[in-house]
Amino acid sequence: MNVILLGELRGKGGEGDVIDVAQGYAENYLLPKRLAIKATPGNLKQLEERRHNIAKREEKRIADAEAAKAALDAKTVKVDARVGEEGQLFGSVTSTMVADAIKEQLGIEIDRRRVERSTAIKTAGVHEVSVNLYRDIAASVYVVVGDVTAEEAEEEPEADEAVEGAEAEDVEEAEASEDAE
């Protein structure tokens, strides 16, 4: 079934592209979500009339993506994560964490789904992450996974001591009430 895309569809094409997809994919996903319309003769004629506007928007998107690439390429961002023994993380660094770090430290907002990692980041150190900005325009960002155990280590013992102190007081009160009976 031929459809006309109304926006970018990763791996399929961009706005105004006429593509051939399976009928079920078109009827159950693309058409209900308004990502595409059927490629009827009337819709194809309207598409030809809109080609100039689509080309202008495409040029703007490419220019914006190139500007973002220039701002991001080879930059370094730091992501704080709890690190255990031998540099292993408690959990892993997610795409959302990387996108938030880029927004906070570099001032560039990107969608978390644009952050591509070949494998999960589960160790401390420097990792290279690719950010797909638009179609084939991608930037490479270095993510430094840091150690926040020093800060937490100062906070946690105080909390543990307070809990242990409270438990000790509860035990003493229980013993005192037993002695009183």
N, C-alpha and C. Protein backbone atom coordinates (compact mmCIF):
# COMPACT_ATOMS: atom_id res chain seq x y z
N MET A 1 0.84 -1.17 0.00
CA MET A 1 0.00 0.00 0.00
C MET A 1 0.90 1.24 0.00
N ASN A 2 0.63 2.17 -0.90
CA ASN A 2 1.41 3.41 -0.96
C ASN A 2 0.78 4.46 -0.06
N VAL A 3 1.65 5.13 0.73
CA VAL A 3 1.21 6.21 1.61
C VAL A 3 2.14 7.40 1.45
N ILE A 4 1.65 8.58 1.82
CA ILE A 4 2.44 9.80 1.82
C ILE A 4 2.73 10.14 3.28
N LEU A 5 3.99 10.24 3.64
CA LEU A 5 4.36 10.54 5.02
C LEU A 5 4.10 12.02 5.33
N LEU A 6 3.57 12.28 6.52
CA LEU A 6 3.28 13.64 6.95
C LEU A 6 4.38 14.21 7.85
N GLY A 7 5.33 13.41 8.20
CA GLY A 7 6.46 13.82 9.03
C GLY A 7 7.56 12.79 8.88
N GLU A 8 8.65 13.00 9.62
CA GLU A 8 9.76 12.05 9.55
C GLU A 8 9.37 10.76 10.25
N LEU A 9 9.65 9.65 9.61
CA LEU A 9 9.43 8.34 10.18
C LEU A 9 10.76 7.61 10.10
N ARG A 10 11.39 7.43 11.24
CA ARG A 10 12.74 6.89 11.29
C ARG A 10 12.84 5.57 10.52
N GLY A 11 13.79 5.53 9.62
CA GLY A 11 14.03 4.32 8.83
C GLY A 11 13.16 4.18 7.60
N LYS A 12 12.17 5.04 7.46
CA LYS A 12 11.26 4.94 6.32
C LYS A 12 11.38 6.13 5.38
N GLY A 13 11.42 7.36 5.92
CA GLY A 13 11.51 8.54 5.08
C GLY A 13 11.09 9.78 5.82
N GLY A 14 10.99 10.89 5.07
CA GLY A 14 10.65 12.17 5.65
C GLY A 14 9.33 12.69 5.13
N GLU A 15 9.01 13.90 5.52
CA GLU A 15 7.75 14.52 5.14
C GLU A 15 7.63 14.61 3.62
N GLY A 16 6.48 14.18 3.10
CA GLY A 16 6.22 14.27 1.67
C GLY A 16 6.71 13.07 0.86
N ASP A 17 7.41 12.15 1.49
CA ASP A 17 7.88 10.96 0.76
C ASP A 17 6.73 9.99 0.54
N VAL A 18 6.68 9.41 -0.64
CA VAL A 18 5.69 8.38 -0.95
C VAL A 18 6.41 7.05 -0.81
N ILE A 19 5.92 6.22 0.13
CA ILE A 19 6.57 4.94 0.39
C ILE A 19 5.56 3.81 0.29
N ASP A 20 6.07 2.62 0.09
CA ASP A 20 5.24 1.43 0.03
C ASP A 20 5.41 0.67 1.33
N VAL A 21 4.32 0.45 2.05
CA VAL A 21 4.36 -0.27 3.32
C VAL A 21 3.29 -1.36 3.30
N ALA A 22 3.38 -2.25 4.25
CA ALA A 22 2.37 -3.30 4.38
C ALA A 22 1.02 -2.67 4.72
N GLN A 23 -0.05 -3.27 4.23
CA GLN A 23 -1.38 -2.71 4.43
C GLN A 23 -1.73 -2.65 5.92
N GLY A 24 -1.40 -3.68 6.67
CA GLY A 24 -1.70 -3.69 8.10
C GLY A 24 -0.96 -2.60 8.85
N TYR A 25 0.30 -2.38 8.49
CA TYR A 25 1.10 -1.33 9.13
C TYR A 25 0.48 0.04 8.86
N ALA A 26 0.03 0.24 7.63
CA ALA A 26 -0.58 1.52 7.27
C ALA A 26 -1.91 1.70 7.99
N GLU A 27 -2.78 0.71 7.93
CA GLU A 27 -4.13 0.85 8.48
C GLU A 27 -4.16 0.83 10.01
N ASN A 28 -3.24 0.12 10.64
CA ASN A 28 -3.27 -0.02 12.09
C ASN A 28 -2.35 0.95 12.83
N TYR A 29 -1.35 1.50 12.14
CA TYR A 29 -0.41 2.38 12.82
C TYR A 29 -0.29 3.76 12.18
N LEU A 30 0.11 3.79 10.92
CA LEU A 30 0.41 5.08 10.27
C LEU A 30 -0.82 5.97 10.12
N LEU A 31 -1.90 5.43 9.61
CA LEU A 31 -3.10 6.24 9.36
C LEU A 31 -3.79 6.68 10.65
N PRO A 32 -4.04 5.81 11.64
CA PRO A 32 -4.69 6.27 12.87
C PRO A 32 -3.88 7.30 13.65
N LYS A 33 -2.56 7.20 13.61
CA LYS A 33 -1.71 8.16 14.33
C LYS A 33 -1.42 9.41 13.51
N ARG A 34 -1.99 9.48 12.33
CA ARG A 34 -1.83 10.61 11.42
C ARG A 34 -0.36 10.87 11.08
N LEU A 35 0.37 9.78 10.90
CA LEU A 35 1.75 9.88 10.44
C LEU A 35 1.82 9.84 8.93
N ALA A 36 0.73 9.39 8.29
CA ALA A 36 0.70 9.28 6.83
C ALA A 36 -0.75 9.34 6.36
N ILE A 37 -0.89 9.58 5.05
CA ILE A 37 -2.20 9.53 4.40
C ILE A 37 -2.07 8.62 3.19
N LYS A 38 -3.22 8.11 2.73
CA LYS A 38 -3.19 7.23 1.56
C LYS A 38 -2.73 8.02 0.33
N ALA A 39 -2.01 7.35 -0.54
CA ALA A 39 -1.48 7.99 -1.75
C ALA A 39 -2.52 7.88 -2.87
N THR A 40 -3.61 8.60 -2.72
CA THR A 40 -4.65 8.64 -3.76
C THR A 40 -4.25 9.68 -4.80
N PRO A 41 -4.84 9.65 -6.00
CA PRO A 41 -4.50 10.66 -7.01
C PRO A 41 -4.71 12.10 -6.52
N GLY A 42 -5.76 12.34 -5.76
CA GLY A 42 -6.03 13.67 -5.22
C GLY A 42 -4.97 14.11 -4.22
N ASN A 43 -4.58 13.18 -3.33
CA ASN A 43 -3.55 13.50 -2.33
C ASN A 43 -2.19 13.71 -2.99
N LEU A 44 -1.89 12.94 -4.04
CA LEU A 44 -0.63 13.13 -4.76
C LEU A 44 -0.59 14.49 -5.45
N LYS A 45 -1.74 14.95 -5.99
CA LYS A 45 -1.79 16.26 -6.63
C LYS A 45 -1.57 17.37 -5.60
N GLN A 46 -2.17 17.23 -4.41
CA GLN A 46 -1.96 18.21 -3.34
C GLN A 46 -0.50 18.21 -2.89
N LEU A 47 0.10 17.02 -2.86
CA LEU A 47 1.51 16.91 -2.46
C LEU A 47 2.40 17.70 -3.42
N GLU A 48 2.15 17.60 -4.71
CA GLU A 48 2.95 18.33 -5.69
C GLU A 48 2.83 19.83 -5.48
N GLU A 49 1.66 20.30 -5.09
CA GLU A 49 1.46 21.73 -4.83
C GLU A 49 2.18 22.18 -3.56
N ARG A 50 2.35 21.26 -2.62
CA ARG A 50 2.99 21.58 -1.34
C ARG A 50 4.49 21.34 -1.34
N ARG A 51 5.04 20.79 -2.39
CA ARG A 51 6.47 20.44 -2.43
C ARG A 51 7.38 21.60 -2.05
N HIS A 52 7.06 22.82 -2.51
CA HIS A 52 7.90 23.99 -2.22
C HIS A 52 7.96 24.25 -0.71
N ASN A 53 6.80 24.20 -0.03
CA ASN A 53 6.75 24.42 1.42
C ASN A 53 7.49 23.33 2.17
N ILE A 54 7.33 22.09 1.71
CA ILE A 54 8.01 20.97 2.35
C ILE A 54 9.52 21.13 2.21
N ALA A 55 9.99 21.56 1.05
CA ALA A 55 11.43 21.76 0.82
C ALA A 55 11.98 22.85 1.74
N LYS A 56 11.22 23.92 1.96
CA LYS A 56 11.66 24.98 2.87
C LYS A 56 11.80 24.45 4.30
N ARG A 57 10.81 23.70 4.76
CA ARG A 57 10.86 23.13 6.11
C ARG A 57 12.02 22.16 6.25
N GLU A 58 12.26 21.39 5.21
CA GLU A 58 13.36 20.42 5.22
C GLU A 58 14.71 21.14 5.34
N GLU A 59 14.88 22.23 4.60
CA GLU A 59 16.11 23.01 4.68
C GLU A 59 16.31 23.57 6.08
N LYS A 60 15.23 24.04 6.71
CA LYS A 60 15.33 24.58 8.07
C LYS A 60 15.70 23.48 9.05
N ARG A 61 15.09 22.32 8.94
CA ARG A 61 15.41 21.20 9.83
C ARG A 61 16.87 20.80 9.69
N ILE A 62 17.37 20.74 8.45
CA ILE A 62 18.76 20.36 8.22
C ILE A 62 19.69 21.42 8.80
N ALA A 63 19.36 22.70 8.61
CA ALA A 63 20.20 23.77 9.16
C ALA A 63 20.22 23.72 10.69
N ASP A 64 19.06 23.48 11.31
CA ASP A 64 19.00 23.36 12.77
C ASP A 64 19.81 22.17 13.25
N ALA A 65 19.71 21.05 12.55
CA ALA A 65 20.47 19.86 12.93
C ALA A 65 21.97 20.08 12.79
N GLU A 66 22.38 20.77 11.73
CA GLU A 66 23.81 21.07 11.55
C GLU A 66 24.31 22.00 12.65
N ALA A 67 23.50 22.98 13.04
CA ALA A 67 23.89 23.88 14.12
C ALA A 67 24.02 23.12 15.45
N ALA A 68 23.07 22.24 15.71
CA ALA A 68 23.14 21.43 16.93
C ALA A 68 24.34 20.50 16.90
N LYS A 69 24.66 19.97 15.72
CA LYS A 69 25.83 19.09 15.59
C LYS A 69 27.10 19.87 15.90
N ALA A 70 27.21 21.09 15.39
CA ALA A 70 28.40 21.91 15.65
C ALA A 70 28.52 22.20 17.14
N ALA A 71 27.39 22.40 17.81
CA ALA A 71 27.42 22.70 19.24
C ALA A 71 27.70 21.46 20.09
N LEU A 72 27.33 20.28 19.61
CA LEU A 72 27.47 19.05 20.39
C LEU A 72 28.73 18.25 20.09
N ASP A 73 29.17 18.25 18.85
CA ASP A 73 30.22 17.33 18.42
C ASP A 73 31.48 17.45 19.27
N ALA A 74 31.93 16.32 19.78
CA ALA A 74 33.16 16.17 20.57
C ALA A 74 33.10 16.91 21.91
N LYS A 75 31.92 17.26 22.39
CA LYS A 75 31.77 17.88 23.72
C LYS A 75 31.71 16.78 24.77
N THR A 76 31.96 17.17 26.01
CA THR A 76 31.96 16.23 27.11
C THR A 76 30.92 16.66 28.14
N VAL A 77 30.12 15.71 28.59
CA VAL A 77 29.15 15.96 29.66
C VAL A 77 29.42 14.96 30.78
N LYS A 78 29.09 15.37 32.00
CA LYS A 78 29.32 14.51 33.16
C LYS A 78 27.99 14.03 33.69
N VAL A 79 27.91 12.74 33.94
CA VAL A 79 26.71 12.13 34.52
C VAL A 79 27.13 11.51 35.85
N ASP A 80 26.48 11.95 36.92
CA ASP A 80 26.78 11.39 38.24
C ASP A 80 26.00 10.10 38.43
N ALA A 81 26.72 9.08 38.90
CA ALA A 81 26.10 7.79 39.16
C ALA A 81 26.83 7.13 40.31
N ARG A 82 26.13 6.30 41.03
CA ARG A 82 26.77 5.58 42.13
C ARG A 82 27.66 4.50 41.57
N VAL A 83 28.90 4.50 42.02
CA VAL A 83 29.88 3.55 41.52
C VAL A 83 30.32 2.65 42.67
N GLY A 84 30.31 1.35 42.43
CA GLY A 84 30.74 0.40 43.43
C GLY A 84 32.21 0.05 43.25
N GLU A 85 32.58 -1.06 43.82
CA GLU A 85 33.96 -1.52 43.72
C GLU A 85 34.30 -1.85 42.27
N GLU A 86 35.55 -1.67 41.92
CA GLU A 86 36.08 -1.98 40.59
C GLU A 86 35.40 -1.19 39.47
N GLY A 87 34.82 -0.03 39.78
CA GLY A 87 34.27 0.85 38.75
C GLY A 87 32.92 0.42 38.19
N GLN A 88 32.27 -0.54 38.78
CA GLN A 88 30.96 -0.98 38.31
C GLN A 88 29.88 -0.07 38.88
N LEU A 89 28.90 0.28 38.05
CA LEU A 89 27.80 1.13 38.49
C LEU A 89 26.71 0.30 39.15
N PHE A 90 25.96 0.95 40.02
CA PHE A 90 24.75 0.35 40.56
C PHE A 90 23.65 0.70 39.57
N GLY A 91 23.37 -0.17 38.64
CA GLY A 91 22.43 0.11 37.55
C GLY A 91 23.22 0.50 36.32
N SER A 92 22.64 1.38 35.50
CA SER A 92 23.34 1.83 34.30
C SER A 92 22.92 3.26 33.98
N VAL A 93 23.68 3.89 33.10
CA VAL A 93 23.36 5.24 32.65
C VAL A 93 22.36 5.12 31.51
N THR A 94 21.22 5.78 31.64
CA THR A 94 20.16 5.67 30.64
C THR A 94 20.24 6.81 29.63
N SER A 95 19.52 6.67 28.55
CA SER A 95 19.45 7.71 27.53
C SER A 95 18.86 8.99 28.11
N THR A 96 17.90 8.86 29.00
CA THR A 96 17.29 10.02 29.64
C THR A 96 18.31 10.79 30.46
N MET A 97 19.16 10.07 31.19
CA MET A 97 20.20 10.72 31.99
C MET A 97 21.17 11.49 31.10
N VAL A 98 21.54 10.91 29.95
CA VAL A 98 22.44 11.58 29.02
C VAL A 98 21.78 12.81 28.43
N ALA A 99 20.51 12.70 28.02
CA ALA A 99 19.80 13.84 27.44
C ALA A 99 19.65 14.96 28.47
N ASP A 100 19.36 14.62 29.72
CA ASP A 100 19.24 15.63 30.78
C ASP A 100 20.58 16.31 31.04
N ALA A 101 21.66 15.55 31.02
CA ALA A 101 22.99 16.12 31.24
C ALA A 101 23.36 17.08 30.11
N ILE A 102 23.02 16.72 28.87
CA ILE A 102 23.30 17.60 27.73
C ILE A 102 22.51 18.89 27.87
N LYS A 103 21.24 18.78 28.26
CA LYS A 103 20.41 19.98 28.41
C LYS A 103 20.95 20.87 29.53
N GLU A 104 21.31 20.27 30.65
CA GLU A 104 21.77 21.03 31.80
C GLU A 104 23.14 21.66 31.57
N GLN A 105 24.08 20.91 31.00
CA GLN A 105 25.45 21.38 30.90
C GLN A 105 25.76 22.13 29.61
N LEU A 106 25.10 21.78 28.51
CA LEU A 106 25.38 22.43 27.24
C LEU A 106 24.24 23.33 26.77
N GLY A 107 23.08 23.23 27.39
CA GLY A 107 21.96 24.09 27.04
C GLY A 107 21.26 23.71 25.75
N ILE A 108 21.44 22.48 25.29
CA ILE A 108 20.81 22.01 24.06
C ILE A 108 19.82 20.91 24.42
N GLU A 109 18.56 21.13 24.07
CA GLU A 109 17.54 20.15 24.40
C GLU A 109 17.42 19.14 23.26
N ILE A 110 17.57 17.87 23.62
CA ILE A 110 17.39 16.80 22.64
C ILE A 110 16.46 15.76 23.22
N ASP A 111 15.82 15.03 22.34
CA ASP A 111 14.91 13.97 22.75
C ASP A 111 15.72 12.75 23.17
N ARG A 112 15.31 12.11 24.25
CA ARG A 112 16.05 10.95 24.76
C ARG A 112 16.10 9.82 23.74
N ARG A 113 15.11 9.76 22.85
CA ARG A 113 15.10 8.69 21.84
C ARG A 113 16.15 8.91 20.77
N ARG A 114 16.73 10.09 20.72
CA ARG A 114 17.78 10.39 19.75
C ARG A 114 19.16 9.95 20.23
N VAL A 115 19.28 9.63 21.51
CA VAL A 115 20.56 9.19 22.08
C VAL A 115 20.72 7.71 21.77
N GLU A 116 21.80 7.38 21.05
CA GLU A 116 22.03 5.99 20.65
C GLU A 116 23.26 5.45 21.36
N ARG A 117 23.09 4.32 21.99
CA ARG A 117 24.20 3.64 22.65
C ARG A 117 24.33 2.25 22.07
N SER A 118 25.55 1.85 21.81
CA SER A 118 25.73 0.50 21.27
C SER A 118 25.51 -0.54 22.37
N THR A 119 25.98 -0.25 23.56
CA THR A 119 25.77 -1.13 24.71
C THR A 119 25.40 -0.27 25.91
N ALA A 120 24.90 -0.90 26.94
CA ALA A 120 24.55 -0.18 28.16
C ALA A 120 25.82 0.32 28.85
N ILE A 121 25.75 1.52 29.42
CA ILE A 121 26.89 2.09 30.14
C ILE A 121 26.78 1.63 31.58
N LYS A 122 27.65 0.70 31.97
CA LYS A 122 27.59 0.13 33.31
C LYS A 122 28.90 0.26 34.07
N THR A 123 29.85 1.00 33.51
CA THR A 123 31.13 1.20 34.18
C THR A 123 31.47 2.68 34.25
N ALA A 124 32.27 3.05 35.24
CA ALA A 124 32.71 4.43 35.36
C ALA A 124 33.76 4.71 34.30
N GLY A 125 33.88 5.98 33.92
CA GLY A 125 34.88 6.35 32.93
C GLY A 125 34.26 7.18 31.82
N VAL A 126 34.97 7.25 30.69
CA VAL A 126 34.53 8.05 29.54
C VAL A 126 33.96 7.11 28.49
N HIS A 127 32.75 7.43 28.01
CA HIS A 127 32.07 6.63 27.00
C HIS A 127 31.63 7.54 25.87
N GLU A 128 31.77 7.07 24.63
CA GLU A 128 31.33 7.83 23.48
C GLU A 128 29.89 7.44 23.15
N VAL A 129 29.03 8.47 23.00
CA VAL A 129 27.62 8.26 22.72
C VAL A 129 27.28 9.05 21.46
N SER A 130 26.50 8.44 20.58
CA SER A 130 26.08 9.10 19.36
C SER A 130 24.67 9.68 19.56
N VAL A 131 24.48 10.91 19.08
CA VAL A 131 23.18 11.56 19.16
C VAL A 131 22.71 11.79 17.73
N ASN A 132 21.65 11.09 17.33
CA ASN A 132 21.09 11.21 15.99
C ASN A 132 20.18 12.44 15.97
N LEU A 133 20.61 13.50 15.29
CA LEU A 133 19.88 14.76 15.32
C LEU A 133 18.77 14.81 14.27
N TYR A 134 19.06 14.40 13.05
CA TYR A 134 18.05 14.40 12.00
C TYR A 134 18.55 13.53 10.87
N ARG A 135 17.76 12.57 10.48
CA ARG A 135 18.11 11.61 9.43
C ARG A 135 19.53 11.11 9.58
N ASP A 136 20.46 11.52 8.69
CA ASP A 136 21.83 10.99 8.76
C ASP A 136 22.79 11.97 9.44
N ILE A 137 22.28 13.01 10.10
CA ILE A 137 23.13 13.97 10.82
C ILE A 137 23.22 13.52 12.27
N ALA A 138 24.42 13.18 12.70
CA ALA A 138 24.63 12.71 14.06
C ALA A 138 25.85 13.38 14.67
N ALA A 139 25.80 13.57 15.97
CA ALA A 139 26.92 14.16 16.70
C ALA A 139 27.44 13.13 17.69
N SER A 140 28.72 13.24 17.99
CA SER A 140 29.35 12.34 18.94
C SER A 140 29.63 13.11 20.23
N VAL A 141 29.14 12.60 21.35
CA VAL A 141 29.30 13.25 22.65
C VAL A 141 30.01 12.27 23.58
N TYR A 142 30.95 12.80 24.37
CA TYR A 142 31.64 11.97 25.35
C TYR A 142 30.96 12.14 26.70
N VAL A 143 30.60 11.01 27.31
CA VAL A 143 29.91 11.01 28.59
C VAL A 143 30.89 10.51 29.65
N VAL A 144 31.15 11.36 30.64
CA VAL A 144 32.02 10.98 31.76
C VAL A 144 31.11 10.53 32.89
N VAL A 145 31.21 9.27 33.25
CA VAL A 145 30.40 8.72 34.32
C VAL A 145 31.20 8.88 35.60
N GLY A 146 30.65 9.70 36.51
CA GLY A 146 31.38 10.06 37.72
C GLY A 146 30.95 9.25 38.93
N ASP A 147 31.62 9.55 40.03
CA ASP A 147 31.40 8.85 41.28
C ASP A 147 30.75 9.81 42.26
N VAL A 148 29.58 9.46 42.78
CA VAL A 148 28.91 10.27 43.79
C VAL A 148 28.89 9.56 45.13
N THR A 149 29.67 8.50 45.27
CA THR A 149 29.66 7.75 46.52
C THR A 149 30.25 8.55 47.66
N ALA A 150 31.16 9.47 47.39
CA ALA A 150 31.78 10.27 48.45
C ALA A 150 30.73 11.15 49.13
N GLU A 151 29.87 11.80 48.35
CA GLU A 151 28.82 12.64 48.91
C GLU A 151 27.81 11.80 49.68
N GLU A 152 27.42 10.71 49.09
CA GLU A 152 26.42 9.86 49.75
C GLU A 152 27.00 9.18 50.97
N ALA A 153 28.28 8.89 50.95
CA ALA A 153 28.91 8.23 52.09
C ALA A 153 28.87 9.13 53.32
N GLU A 154 28.94 10.46 53.12
CA GLU A 154 28.86 11.37 54.25
C GLU A 154 27.44 11.44 54.79
N GLU A 155 26.44 11.35 53.92
CA GLU A 155 25.06 11.45 54.35
C GLU A 155 24.54 10.16 54.96
N GLU A 156 24.87 9.03 54.39
CA GLU A 156 24.31 7.76 54.82
C GLU A 156 24.73 7.35 56.23
N PRO A 157 26.00 7.49 56.65
CA PRO A 157 26.33 7.05 58.00
C PRO A 157 25.54 7.81 59.06
N GLU A 158 25.30 9.11 58.85
CA GLU A 158 24.53 9.86 59.82
C GLU A 158 23.13 9.29 59.92
N ALA A 159 22.53 8.96 58.81
CA ALA A 159 21.19 8.38 58.81
C ALA A 159 21.21 7.01 59.46
N ASP A 160 22.24 6.20 59.17
CA ASP A 160 22.34 4.87 59.76
C ASP A 160 22.52 4.97 61.27
N GLU A 161 23.36 5.91 61.73
CA GLU A 161 23.58 6.08 63.16
C GLU A 161 22.29 6.50 63.84
N ALA A 162 21.52 7.37 63.20
CA ALA A 162 20.26 7.81 63.79
C ALA A 162 19.29 6.65 63.90
N VAL A 163 19.24 5.79 62.90
CA VAL A 163 18.36 4.62 62.93
C VAL A 163 18.82 3.66 64.01
N GLU A 164 20.14 3.42 64.07
CA GLU A 164 20.67 2.51 65.09
C GLU A 164 20.40 3.06 66.48
N GLY A 165 20.54 4.38 66.65
CA GLY A 165 20.27 5.01 67.95
C GLY A 165 18.81 4.86 68.32
N ALA A 166 17.92 5.04 67.36
CA ALA A 166 16.49 4.91 67.62
C ALA A 166 16.14 3.47 67.96
N GLU A 167 16.77 2.51 67.29
CA GLU A 167 16.51 1.10 67.58
C GLU A 167 17.00 0.77 68.99
N ALA A 168 18.14 1.31 69.37
CA ALA A 168 18.68 1.05 70.70
C ALA A 168 17.74 1.62 71.76
N GLU A 169 17.20 2.83 71.53
CA GLU A 169 16.27 3.43 72.48
C GLU A 169 15.00 2.60 72.59
N ASP A 170 14.50 2.06 71.47
CA ASP A 170 13.30 1.22 71.48
C ASP A 170 13.53 -0.05 72.29
N VAL A 171 14.73 -0.63 72.15
CA VAL A 171 15.05 -1.85 72.89
C VAL A 171 15.12 -1.54 74.38
N GLU A 172 15.75 -0.41 74.73
CA GLU A 172 15.85 -0.02 76.14
C GLU A 172 14.46 0.23 76.73
N GLU A 173 13.58 0.90 75.96
CA GLU A 173 12.23 1.16 76.45
C GLU A 173 11.46 -0.14 76.63
N ALA A 174 11.65 -1.08 75.71
CA ALA A 174 10.95 -2.36 75.82
C ALA A 174 11.43 -3.12 77.05
N GLU A 175 12.75 -3.10 77.31
CA GLU A 175 13.29 -3.79 78.47
C GLU A 175 12.78 -3.12 79.76
N ALA A 176 12.70 -1.78 79.74
CA ALA A 176 12.24 -1.05 80.92
C ALA A 176 10.78 -1.38 81.20
N SER A 177 9.97 -1.50 80.17
CA SER A 177 8.55 -1.81 80.37
C SER A 177 8.38 -3.23 80.86
N GLU A 178 9.25 -4.15 80.42
CA GLU A 178 9.19 -5.54 80.89
C GLU A 178 9.58 -5.60 82.36
N ASP A 179 10.60 -4.81 82.77
CA ASP A 179 11.05 -4.78 84.15
C ASP A 179 9.97 -4.20 85.05
N ALA A 180 9.22 -3.21 84.55
CA ALA A 180 8.18 -2.56 85.32
C ALA A 180 7.03 -3.51 85.59
N GLU A 181 6.80 -4.46 84.70
CA GLU A 181 5.69 -5.40 84.88
C GLU A 181 6.11 -6.41 85.88
